[in-house]
Protein backbone atom coordinates (compact mmCIF):
# COMPACT_ATOMS: atom_id res chain seq x y z
CA MET A 1 131.54 -88.21 108.06
CA ASN A 2 128.03 -88.32 109.52
CA THR A 3 125.04 -88.66 107.23
CA ILE A 4 123.67 -85.32 106.02
CA LYS A 5 119.95 -84.89 106.61
CA VAL A 6 118.38 -83.31 103.51
CA GLY A 7 115.04 -81.76 102.63
CA ILE A 8 113.79 -80.79 99.17
CA ALA A 9 111.08 -78.15 98.62
CA GLY A 10 109.36 -78.26 95.24
CA ALA A 11 110.39 -81.86 94.63
CA ALA A 12 107.76 -82.65 91.99
CA GLY A 13 109.36 -80.55 89.24
CA TYR A 14 112.24 -81.33 86.89
CA THR A 15 115.01 -80.09 89.19
CA GLY A 16 113.40 -81.69 92.25
CA GLY A 17 113.16 -85.00 90.41
CA GLU A 18 116.83 -84.81 89.41
CA LEU A 19 117.77 -84.15 93.05
CA LEU A 20 115.80 -87.19 94.19
CA ARG A 21 117.54 -89.38 91.57
CA ILE A 22 120.98 -88.19 92.70
CA LEU A 23 120.45 -88.05 96.46
CA VAL A 24 118.65 -91.40 96.85
CA PHE A 25 121.99 -93.00 95.89
CA HIS A 26 124.31 -90.46 97.54
CA PRO A 27 126.48 -92.32 100.07
CA ASN A 28 126.40 -89.49 102.64
CA VAL A 29 122.76 -88.37 102.45
CA GLU A 30 119.50 -89.20 104.20
CA ILE A 31 116.46 -87.65 102.47
CA VAL A 32 114.23 -86.60 105.37
CA PHE A 33 111.42 -85.22 103.22
CA ALA A 34 110.49 -84.28 99.65
CA HIS A 35 107.97 -81.45 99.80
CA SER A 36 105.40 -80.62 97.11
CA LYS A 37 102.16 -78.68 97.24
CA SER A 38 100.86 -80.18 94.00
CA ALA A 39 101.86 -83.81 94.67
CA ALA A 40 101.46 -84.09 98.46
CA GLY A 41 100.37 -87.62 99.39
CA LYS A 42 101.53 -89.17 96.14
CA LYS A 43 104.42 -91.60 95.87
CA TRP A 44 107.61 -90.24 94.36
CA TYR A 45 107.27 -92.73 91.50
CA GLU A 46 103.76 -91.50 90.67
CA VAL A 47 105.34 -88.21 89.60
CA HIS A 48 108.81 -89.45 88.62
CA PRO A 49 108.01 -92.95 87.22
CA ASP A 50 111.67 -93.98 86.86
CA LEU A 51 111.84 -94.12 90.69
CA LEU A 52 109.54 -97.15 90.70
CA GLY A 53 111.46 -99.98 92.35
CA ILE A 54 113.91 -97.51 93.89
CA SER A 55 111.72 -95.93 96.56
CA ASP A 56 108.20 -96.31 97.95
CA ARG A 57 108.29 -92.97 99.74
CA GLY A 58 105.84 -90.13 99.17
CA PHE A 59 105.75 -86.34 98.94
CA THR A 60 104.86 -84.29 102.01
CA SER A 61 102.92 -81.05 102.30
CA GLY A 62 104.84 -79.91 105.38
CA LEU A 63 108.44 -79.15 106.23
CA SER A 64 110.58 -80.80 108.88
CA GLN A 65 113.09 -78.75 110.86
CA ASP A 66 115.13 -81.93 111.37
CA VAL A 67 117.37 -81.30 108.36
CA GLU A 68 120.82 -79.82 107.88
CA VAL A 69 120.30 -78.53 104.35
CA LEU A 70 117.21 -77.58 102.35
CA PHE A 71 117.23 -77.53 98.56
CA LEU A 72 114.77 -74.97 97.18
CA CYS A 73 113.38 -76.11 93.81
CA VAL A 74 110.43 -73.73 93.78
CA GLY A 75 109.91 -71.36 90.85
CA HIS A 76 111.76 -68.16 90.08
CA GLY A 77 110.36 -65.40 92.26
CA GLU A 78 108.97 -67.98 94.72
CA ALA A 79 112.07 -68.91 96.75
CA ARG A 80 112.26 -65.63 98.66
CA LYS A 81 108.52 -65.81 99.39
CA PHE A 82 108.90 -69.44 100.52
CA LEU A 83 111.58 -68.54 103.05
CA GLU A 84 109.64 -65.52 104.27
CA GLN A 85 106.52 -67.63 104.80
CA ASN A 86 108.25 -70.64 106.40
CA GLU A 87 110.34 -69.90 109.47
CA LEU A 88 113.36 -72.20 109.36
CA ASN A 89 115.94 -72.95 112.01
CA PRO A 90 118.86 -70.56 111.29
CA SER A 91 121.23 -73.55 111.39
CA ILE A 92 119.61 -75.09 108.29
CA ARG A 93 121.69 -74.37 105.20
CA ILE A 94 119.85 -73.33 102.05
CA ILE A 95 120.78 -74.20 98.45
CA ASP A 96 118.44 -72.26 96.19
CA LEU A 97 118.04 -73.27 92.52
CA SER A 98 116.01 -70.19 91.52
CA THR A 99 117.20 -66.77 90.41
CA ASP A 100 116.05 -65.08 93.62
CA PHE A 101 119.43 -64.73 95.36
CA ARG A 102 121.96 -64.87 92.51
CA HIS A 103 122.64 -61.16 92.08
CA LEU A 104 124.72 -58.98 94.38
CA ALA A 105 121.84 -56.55 94.89
CA ASN A 106 119.49 -59.21 96.32
CA ASN A 107 121.68 -61.97 97.78
CA THR A 108 120.52 -61.55 101.38
CA LEU A 109 117.39 -62.33 103.38
CA GLY A 110 117.53 -61.29 107.01
CA ASP A 111 120.73 -62.76 108.42
CA ARG A 112 121.13 -65.15 105.50
CA GLU A 113 123.67 -64.24 102.82
CA PHE A 114 123.83 -66.36 99.67
CA VAL A 115 127.13 -67.13 97.96
CA TYR A 116 126.98 -67.43 94.18
CA GLY A 117 127.30 -71.20 93.75
CA LEU A 118 129.58 -71.67 90.75
CA PRO A 119 132.38 -73.88 92.14
CA GLU A 120 134.73 -73.09 89.27
CA LEU A 121 134.56 -69.44 90.34
CA ASN A 122 133.82 -69.45 94.07
CA LYS A 123 134.93 -72.81 95.46
CA GLU A 124 136.59 -71.46 98.60
CA SER A 125 133.63 -69.20 99.39
CA ILE A 126 131.19 -72.09 98.87
CA ILE A 127 133.19 -74.27 101.28
CA GLN A 128 132.64 -71.63 103.98
CA ALA A 129 129.06 -70.76 102.98
CA LYS A 130 125.87 -71.32 104.95
CA ASN A 131 123.68 -70.54 101.93
CA SER A 132 124.24 -70.94 98.20
CA ALA A 133 122.49 -69.44 95.16
CA ASN A 134 122.80 -71.92 92.30
CA PRO A 135 123.74 -70.34 88.94
CA GLY A 136 121.46 -70.38 85.91
CA CYS A 137 121.96 -73.04 83.26
CA PHE A 138 122.93 -70.74 80.38
CA ALA A 139 125.05 -68.73 82.82
CA THR A 140 126.93 -71.86 83.89
CA ALA A 141 127.77 -72.97 80.35
CA ILE A 142 128.83 -69.49 79.26
CA GLN A 143 130.87 -68.64 82.34
CA LEU A 144 132.77 -71.91 82.13
CA ALA A 145 133.70 -70.93 78.56
CA LEU A 146 134.90 -67.46 79.59
CA LEU A 147 136.30 -67.57 83.13
CA PRO A 148 139.86 -68.71 82.26
CA LEU A 149 140.21 -65.61 80.06
CA LYS A 150 138.96 -63.17 82.72
CA GLY A 151 141.16 -60.09 82.41
CA LYS A 152 142.18 -61.11 78.87
CA LEU A 153 138.77 -60.88 77.18
CA PRO A 154 138.24 -58.58 74.19
CA SER A 155 135.70 -55.75 74.24
CA SER A 156 133.08 -57.78 72.35
CA ILE A 157 131.93 -61.41 72.64
CA HIS A 158 129.30 -63.20 70.53
CA ILE A 159 127.35 -66.19 71.86
CA ASN A 160 124.81 -68.48 70.26
CA ALA A 161 123.46 -71.08 72.70
CA THR A 162 120.68 -73.66 72.34
CA THR A 163 118.85 -75.27 75.25
CA GLY A 164 116.60 -78.30 75.52
CA ALA A 165 112.87 -78.16 76.29
CA THR A 166 113.37 -79.03 79.98
CA GLY A 167 114.94 -75.58 80.42
CA ALA A 168 111.41 -74.16 80.26
CA GLY A 169 110.26 -76.13 83.31
CA GLN A 170 107.71 -78.89 83.77
CA LYS A 171 104.54 -76.85 83.35
CA PRO A 172 103.57 -76.93 79.65
CA SER A 173 103.68 -73.68 77.72
CA ALA A 174 103.13 -72.74 74.09
CA SER A 175 106.86 -72.93 73.32
CA SER A 176 107.55 -76.16 75.28
CA HIS A 177 104.55 -78.14 73.98
CA PHE A 178 105.86 -81.16 72.03
CA PRO A 179 104.09 -80.49 68.68
CA TRP A 180 105.51 -76.95 68.69
CA ARG A 181 109.01 -77.89 69.85
CA ASP A 182 109.50 -81.00 67.68
CA ASN A 183 111.30 -80.38 64.36
CA ASN A 184 111.51 -76.72 65.29
CA LEU A 185 114.06 -74.08 66.29
CA SER A 186 113.49 -70.55 67.57
CA ILE A 187 115.28 -67.60 69.13
CA TYR A 188 114.01 -65.92 72.29
CA LYS A 189 115.11 -62.99 74.49
CA ALA A 190 117.84 -62.00 72.02
CA PHE A 191 120.47 -59.80 73.73
CA THR A 192 118.30 -59.51 76.88
CA HIS A 193 118.31 -62.94 78.55
CA GLN A 194 118.11 -62.75 82.36
CA HIS A 195 121.29 -64.81 82.85
CA LEU A 196 123.40 -62.01 81.39
CA GLN A 197 123.36 -60.13 84.69
CA GLU A 198 125.01 -62.90 86.70
CA ILE A 199 127.53 -63.54 83.90
CA LYS A 200 128.55 -59.87 83.87
CA GLU A 201 128.77 -59.75 87.67
CA SER A 202 131.12 -62.75 87.68
CA LEU A 203 133.31 -61.41 84.87
CA GLY A 204 133.39 -57.97 86.47
CA ALA A 205 134.35 -59.13 89.98
CA GLY A 206 137.66 -57.64 91.05
CA GLU A 207 137.07 -54.41 89.10
CA GLN A 208 137.67 -56.06 85.74
CA SER A 209 136.16 -54.31 82.74
CA VAL A 210 133.18 -56.27 81.45
CA PRO A 211 133.03 -56.92 77.70
CA SER A 212 129.93 -56.39 75.60
CA ILE A 213 128.19 -59.78 75.39
CA HIS A 214 125.94 -60.33 72.40
CA PHE A 215 123.91 -63.37 73.43
CA ILE A 216 121.40 -65.17 71.17
CA PRO A 217 119.52 -67.91 73.11
CA GLN A 218 117.68 -70.60 71.15
CA ARG A 219 115.05 -73.21 71.95
CA GLY A 220 116.19 -76.58 70.63
CA ASN A 221 114.09 -79.56 69.56
CA PHE A 222 115.64 -81.89 72.15
CA SER A 223 114.82 -82.54 75.81
CA ARG A 224 117.94 -81.66 77.72
CA GLY A 225 121.36 -80.11 77.33
CA ILE A 226 122.91 -76.76 76.39
CA PHE A 227 125.22 -76.27 73.41
CA ALA A 228 126.90 -72.85 73.52
CA ALA A 229 129.13 -71.46 70.74
CA VAL A 230 131.20 -68.49 71.93
CA SER A 231 133.31 -66.47 69.49
CA MET A 232 135.72 -63.56 69.94
CA GLU A 233 138.93 -62.08 68.61
CA THR A 234 142.24 -62.77 70.36
CA GLU A 235 145.92 -62.55 69.53
CA LEU A 236 146.70 -65.48 71.85
CA GLU A 237 147.89 -68.63 70.09
CA LEU A 238 145.76 -71.77 70.34
CA GLU A 239 148.35 -73.75 72.32
CA ALA A 240 148.71 -70.89 74.81
CA LEU A 241 144.92 -70.76 75.16
CA LYS A 242 144.69 -74.50 75.78
CA GLU A 243 147.35 -74.18 78.47
CA ILE A 244 145.42 -71.35 80.14
CA TYR A 245 142.23 -73.43 80.17
CA SER A 246 143.92 -76.64 81.32
CA SER A 247 145.65 -74.81 84.15
CA TYR A 248 142.47 -73.03 85.27
CA TYR A 249 140.41 -76.22 85.42
CA GLU A 250 143.11 -78.51 86.80
CA SER A 251 141.53 -78.49 90.27
CA HIS A 252 137.91 -78.58 89.05
CA PRO A 253 136.83 -82.20 88.42
CA PHE A 254 133.74 -81.61 86.26
CA THR A 255 135.08 -79.29 83.55
CA HIS A 256 137.15 -80.93 80.83
CA ILE A 257 139.05 -79.63 77.82
CA ALA A 258 138.06 -82.06 75.07
CA PRO A 259 140.89 -83.23 72.78
CA PHE A 260 138.23 -83.94 70.13
CA GLU A 261 135.14 -82.18 68.76
CA PRO A 262 132.56 -83.07 71.42
CA SER A 263 128.83 -83.58 70.93
CA LEU A 264 126.00 -82.84 73.32
CA LYS A 265 125.10 -86.42 74.30
CA GLN A 266 128.57 -86.87 75.79
CA VAL A 267 127.56 -84.59 78.69
CA VAL A 268 123.79 -85.24 78.92
CA ASN A 269 122.92 -87.12 82.15
CA THR A 270 126.22 -86.01 83.77
CA ASN A 271 127.51 -83.11 85.88
CA ASN A 272 130.30 -82.49 83.35
CA CYS A 273 131.08 -79.55 81.12
CA TYR A 274 133.04 -80.23 77.95
CA LEU A 275 134.95 -77.34 76.42
CA SER A 276 136.42 -77.26 72.92
CA LEU A 277 138.80 -74.55 71.63
CA GLN A 278 139.32 -73.83 67.92
CA LYS A 279 141.06 -70.92 66.22
CA GLU A 280 141.10 -69.53 62.68
CA GLY A 281 143.27 -66.44 62.27
CA ASN A 282 142.37 -64.11 65.16
CA GLN A 283 138.95 -65.72 65.63
CA LEU A 284 138.56 -67.99 68.66
CA LEU A 285 135.63 -70.41 68.86
CA LEU A 286 134.78 -71.89 72.24
CA ILE A 287 132.19 -74.67 72.47
CA SER A 288 130.74 -75.26 75.95
CA MET A 289 128.28 -78.09 76.64
CA ILE A 290 126.41 -79.09 79.79
CA ASP A 291 123.25 -80.88 80.88
CA ASN A 292 120.92 -78.02 81.84
CA LEU A 293 119.25 -80.09 84.59
CA LEU A 294 122.48 -81.39 86.13
CA LYS A 295 125.54 -79.15 85.81
CA GLY A 296 123.05 -76.38 85.01
CA ALA A 297 120.86 -77.08 88.05
CA SER A 298 120.52 -80.10 90.37
CA GLY A 299 123.95 -81.70 89.85
CA GLN A 300 125.68 -78.41 90.57
CA ALA A 301 123.46 -77.97 93.65
CA VAL A 302 124.70 -81.33 94.98
CA GLN A 303 128.26 -80.32 94.07
CA ASN A 304 127.75 -77.22 96.24
CA MET A 305 126.36 -79.34 99.09
CA ASN A 306 129.41 -81.60 98.92
CA LEU A 307 131.72 -78.60 99.22
CA MET A 308 129.70 -76.98 102.02
CA PHE A 309 129.80 -80.17 104.11
CA GLY A 310 133.42 -81.10 103.45
CA LEU A 311 132.67 -84.10 101.22
CA GLU A 312 134.57 -85.26 98.16
CA GLU A 313 133.34 -82.87 95.45
CA LYS A 314 132.31 -85.70 93.10
CA SER A 315 130.45 -87.70 95.76
CA GLY A 316 127.13 -88.98 94.38
CA LEU A 317 127.82 -87.40 91.00
CA GLN A 318 129.57 -90.22 89.13
CA LEU A 319 126.88 -90.32 86.45
CA LYS A 320 126.86 -92.02 83.07
CA ALA A 321 126.42 -89.98 79.89
CA SER A 322 123.98 -90.82 77.10
CA ALA A 323 127.12 -91.08 74.91
CA PHE A 324 125.46 -92.05 71.61
């Protein structure tokens, strides 16, 4: 396999930094450029200090056409504008980490069509894709909890999910400022979070009826990770449910059915999702945990790149968890 030439746009932010950390060690990747308007001319390590001693390279203000894939790490609502303002060679594949191309109603731009980039749902389509729209972080955690039961879901599902401060992006805001976030917990966008649309589109694909999803997102007082608790009624026995989940994820290397009660640090700094199933009477509790910046963003983007270019799916993504 030849080396894949990669560009990153918006490389100074959280997701761009995670991509640099992964791709600088990826055995099949050459990073041609890391673009940033705000950090142009600075060394990578001046923005992402943990890259000191790993690379002396700097951010660029321009784009090179000499790449095979471009990761878009610009803000939500900015990716479409970026592509409209920067004429790219049609042969360059795009992996977009924003929300701009995730929904069926807006997944095209000119001749480019974006496949929804959740490998556990669309692996075969991603393998054939020229462009991928990376899923949202909450959407990833929740869909991985629900997809094996597609077609067997009840009419109503309740979800409480907590995300770390990095989910709000690198630019400080009132609700991501450390003194506000520390020793604090709050709910936001109750029942209306933007990731609900992509979840419902995935669950409704194939003319399935879509259940009512009652989603309560929370801001946690930790830096990274998503802990989602999903509850519903089902007549299915626990052992039958575990078999359904194990069978569904047998060919998906990053989603694991935990034989113990998992905790968030076991997935932080990895591209893994841990799922736990518990049942009391007719009530099923599903716990789904991911790192919002990796499986919920940059790690999944690299997973999509691996599939699009015919690489081993786990290539460059053998990452160590925080664990304790």
